[in-house]
Amino acid sequence: MSHVGYGCLMAVDRDHVLRSAAALLTRKSTSTMDEVAKAAGISRATLHRLFAGRDALVRALEALGIAECEAALDAARLDEGPASDAVRRLVREMEPAAGLLAFLYTENQLFEGDGQHEGWARLDVRIAGLFRRGQQQGEFRIDLTPAWLTEALYGLTASGAWAVQEGRVAANDFTHMITELLLGGALRREES
């Protein structure tokens, strides 16, 4: 086998391990590295070669989550049509990554200090821009800041993922419940 082929094999293995870890940790955030290795079908030593420890694994999951969110933002076509429709598309596109986002949301070390991944800021700018567009077009309330609406979207997405995982909410209702609650509070109402 050539070295090139071996390198590709390792990349596939790492992606498989990451996705296995994401699936496990979104169901059980306190899983040990041994449990992650078992879920991925590899030894603890192999897992440790790929990720030096839990923090390295969480950082890799963070990069994966940010990449999946950026892909969802692209697919949602945020600049097209009414902002409320774009929010609905965004929540629908983010749904596959919602469990991973919910897990990352609880990992405080990702959001403390100077080590914060710049990808979160990129996501915030794009999502806040959508809410700002809705405000400028008279669709969304102006007393709620775009930054707050962005945080509310993240929080509702995480809560929706947990509710689906625990069987308290049907998976088919995920997008509807989040968008209706968020937009129900964000949409501008005519003054009586």
Protein backbone atom coordinates (compact mmCIF):
# COMPACT_ATOMS: atom_id res chain seq x y z
CA MET A 1 0.00 0.00 0.00
CA SER A 2 1.36 3.45 -0.87
CA HIS A 3 1.77 6.17 1.75
CA VAL A 4 -0.83 8.28 -0.07
CA GLY A 5 -3.47 5.56 0.28
CA TYR A 6 -2.59 5.07 3.94
CA GLY A 7 -3.00 8.81 4.58
CA CYS A 8 -6.47 8.76 3.05
CA LEU A 9 -7.38 5.76 5.19
CA MET A 10 -6.31 7.62 8.33
CA ALA A 11 -8.40 10.67 7.36
CA VAL A 12 -11.46 8.46 6.87
CA ASP A 13 -10.82 6.76 10.21
CA ARG A 14 -10.52 10.11 11.99
CA ASP A 15 -13.78 11.35 10.46
CA HIS A 16 -15.51 8.08 11.43
CA VAL A 17 -14.17 8.38 14.98
CA LEU A 18 -15.29 12.02 15.20
CA ARG A 19 -18.79 11.21 13.98
CA SER A 20 -19.03 8.21 16.31
CA ALA A 21 -17.89 10.39 19.22
CA ALA A 22 -20.39 13.08 18.26
CA ALA A 23 -23.23 10.54 18.14
CA LEU A 24 -22.29 9.11 21.54
CA LEU A 25 -21.60 12.40 23.30
CA THR A 26 -24.83 13.95 22.06
CA ARG A 27 -26.68 11.08 23.75
CA LYS A 28 -24.44 10.86 26.83
CA SER A 29 -22.24 13.93 27.34
CA THR A 30 -20.38 12.33 30.28
CA SER A 31 -19.08 9.42 28.20
CA THR A 32 -15.49 8.42 28.93
CA MET A 33 -12.75 8.17 26.33
CA ASP A 34 -13.00 4.36 26.72
CA GLU A 35 -16.70 4.56 25.80
CA VAL A 36 -15.91 6.81 22.83
CA ALA A 37 -13.28 4.34 21.61
CA LYS A 38 -15.71 1.42 21.96
CA ALA A 39 -18.46 3.33 20.09
CA ALA A 40 -16.01 4.03 17.24
CA GLY A 41 -14.87 0.40 17.15
CA ILE A 42 -11.25 1.24 17.95
CA SER A 43 -8.88 0.73 20.88
CA ARG A 44 -8.31 3.36 23.54
CA ALA A 45 -4.69 3.62 22.30
CA THR A 46 -5.83 4.36 18.74
CA LEU A 47 -8.26 6.99 20.04
CA HIS A 48 -5.45 8.56 22.05
CA ARG A 49 -3.20 8.67 18.94
CA LEU A 50 -5.95 10.57 17.10
CA PHE A 51 -6.92 12.83 20.02
CA ALA A 52 -4.48 13.35 22.91
CA GLY A 53 -7.34 13.59 25.40
CA ARG A 54 -10.92 14.64 25.94
CA ASP A 55 -10.12 18.33 25.39
CA ALA A 56 -8.52 17.60 22.00
CA LEU A 57 -11.55 15.48 21.05
CA VAL A 58 -13.97 18.23 22.12
CA ARG A 59 -11.96 20.81 20.13
CA ALA A 60 -12.15 18.58 17.04
CA LEU A 61 -15.90 18.17 17.59
CA GLU A 62 -16.15 21.95 17.89
CA ALA A 63 -14.48 22.37 14.48
CA LEU A 64 -16.86 19.76 13.02
CA GLY A 65 -19.90 21.49 14.56
CA ILE A 66 -18.84 24.88 13.24
CA ALA A 67 -18.24 23.44 9.75
CA GLU A 68 -21.67 21.78 9.79
CA CYS A 69 -23.30 25.04 10.89
CA GLU A 70 -21.51 26.99 8.17
CA ALA A 71 -22.75 24.45 5.61
CA ALA A 72 -26.28 24.83 7.01
CA LEU A 73 -26.03 28.62 6.73
CA ASP A 74 -24.95 28.28 3.10
CA ALA A 75 -27.76 25.83 2.31
CA ALA A 76 -30.37 28.04 4.01
CA ARG A 77 -29.78 30.88 1.52
CA LEU A 78 -30.09 33.56 4.23
CA ASP A 79 -30.29 36.46 1.78
CA GLU A 80 -33.29 35.12 -0.16
CA GLY A 81 -36.90 36.10 0.46
CA PRO A 82 -38.45 37.20 3.74
CA ALA A 83 -36.15 36.88 6.77
CA SER A 84 -38.71 34.71 8.60
CA ASP A 85 -38.60 32.19 5.74
CA ALA A 86 -34.80 32.22 5.90
CA VAL A 87 -34.96 31.52 9.66
CA ARG A 88 -37.22 28.52 8.97
CA ARG A 89 -34.79 27.24 6.32
CA LEU A 90 -31.87 27.77 8.69
CA VAL A 91 -33.43 25.79 11.55
CA ARG A 92 -34.34 22.97 9.13
CA GLU A 93 -30.77 22.90 7.76
CA MET A 94 -29.24 23.01 11.26
CA GLU A 95 -31.36 20.13 12.56
CA PRO A 96 -28.87 17.35 11.64
CA ALA A 97 -26.16 19.15 13.65
CA ALA A 98 -28.46 20.11 16.55
CA GLY A 99 -27.40 17.27 18.84
CA LEU A 100 -23.72 18.09 18.36
CA LEU A 101 -24.45 21.79 18.93
CA ALA A 102 -26.35 20.92 22.12
CA PHE A 103 -23.32 18.99 23.38
CA LEU A 104 -20.91 21.81 22.46
CA TYR A 105 -23.24 24.34 24.14
CA THR A 106 -22.54 22.62 27.48
CA GLU A 107 -18.75 22.52 27.07
CA ASN A 108 -17.86 25.71 28.94
CA GLN A 109 -14.13 25.54 28.13
CA LEU A 110 -15.00 26.29 24.50
CA PHE A 111 -16.38 29.72 25.40
CA GLU A 112 -14.06 30.90 28.18
CA GLY A 113 -10.94 33.00 27.77
CA ASP A 114 -8.95 33.77 24.66
CA GLY A 115 -8.99 30.28 23.17
CA GLN A 116 -12.42 30.64 21.60
CA HIS A 117 -12.63 29.30 18.03
CA GLU A 118 -13.09 32.16 15.55
CA GLY A 119 -15.73 30.07 13.78
CA TRP A 120 -18.29 30.95 16.47
CA ALA A 121 -17.82 34.65 15.67
CA ARG A 122 -18.28 33.94 11.95
CA LEU A 123 -21.54 32.10 12.69
CA ASP A 124 -22.73 34.87 15.00
CA VAL A 125 -22.09 37.55 12.36
CA ARG A 126 -24.01 35.67 9.67
CA ILE A 127 -26.99 34.77 11.86
CA ALA A 128 -27.19 38.23 13.44
CA GLY A 129 -27.07 39.67 9.92
CA LEU A 130 -30.20 37.68 9.08
CA PHE A 131 -32.03 39.07 12.11
CA ARG A 132 -30.77 42.60 11.34
CA ARG A 133 -32.11 42.26 7.77
CA GLY A 134 -35.49 41.23 9.17
CA GLN A 135 -35.48 44.28 11.44
CA GLN A 136 -34.49 46.66 8.64
CA GLN A 137 -37.28 45.29 6.47
CA GLY A 138 -39.82 45.81 9.26
CA GLU A 139 -40.39 42.10 9.75
CA PHE A 140 -38.76 41.65 13.20
CA ARG A 141 -39.04 43.67 16.39
CA ILE A 142 -36.30 46.24 16.88
CA ASP A 143 -36.34 46.11 20.70
CA LEU A 144 -34.64 42.66 20.57
CA THR A 145 -31.03 42.91 19.42
CA PRO A 146 -29.75 40.70 16.60
CA ALA A 147 -27.16 39.33 19.06
CA TRP A 148 -29.92 38.31 21.50
CA LEU A 149 -32.01 36.71 18.74
CA THR A 150 -28.89 34.78 17.65
CA GLU A 151 -28.32 33.50 21.22
CA ALA A 152 -32.02 32.58 21.45
CA LEU A 153 -31.72 30.58 18.22
CA TYR A 154 -28.73 28.64 19.61
CA GLY A 155 -30.50 28.02 22.92
CA LEU A 156 -33.72 26.85 21.31
CA THR A 157 -31.79 24.61 18.91
CA ALA A 158 -29.96 22.95 21.82
CA SER A 159 -33.16 22.61 23.85
CA GLY A 160 -34.98 21.15 20.87
CA ALA A 161 -32.21 18.59 20.33
CA TRP A 162 -32.35 17.51 24.00
CA ALA A 163 -36.16 17.26 23.92
CA VAL A 164 -36.04 15.08 20.79
CA GLN A 165 -33.28 12.87 22.25
CA GLU A 166 -35.27 12.32 25.44
CA GLY A 167 -38.43 11.50 23.50
CA ARG A 168 -40.37 14.48 24.86
CA VAL A 169 -40.74 15.92 21.36
CA ALA A 170 -41.22 14.17 18.03
CA ALA A 171 -38.25 14.66 15.68
CA ASN A 172 -40.68 15.76 12.96
CA ASP A 173 -41.74 18.71 15.16
CA PHE A 174 -38.21 20.07 15.73
CA THR A 175 -38.19 22.81 13.08
CA HIS A 176 -41.80 23.86 13.66
CA MET A 177 -41.46 24.17 17.43
CA ILE A 178 -38.24 26.19 17.31
CA THR A 179 -39.26 28.54 14.52
CA GLU A 180 -42.75 29.14 15.89
CA LEU A 181 -41.46 29.98 19.36
CA LEU A 182 -38.58 32.12 18.11
CA LEU A 183 -40.54 33.92 15.40
CA GLY A 184 -43.60 34.24 17.63
CA GLY A 185 -41.47 36.40 19.91
CA ALA A 186 -39.44 38.11 17.20
CA LEU A 187 -42.07 39.09 14.67
CA ARG A 188 -43.21 42.68 14.75
CA ARG A 189 -46.87 43.14 15.62
CA GLU A 190 -49.06 45.99 14.54
CA GLU A 191 -49.77 48.40 17.38
CA SER A 192 -53.40 48.31 18.52
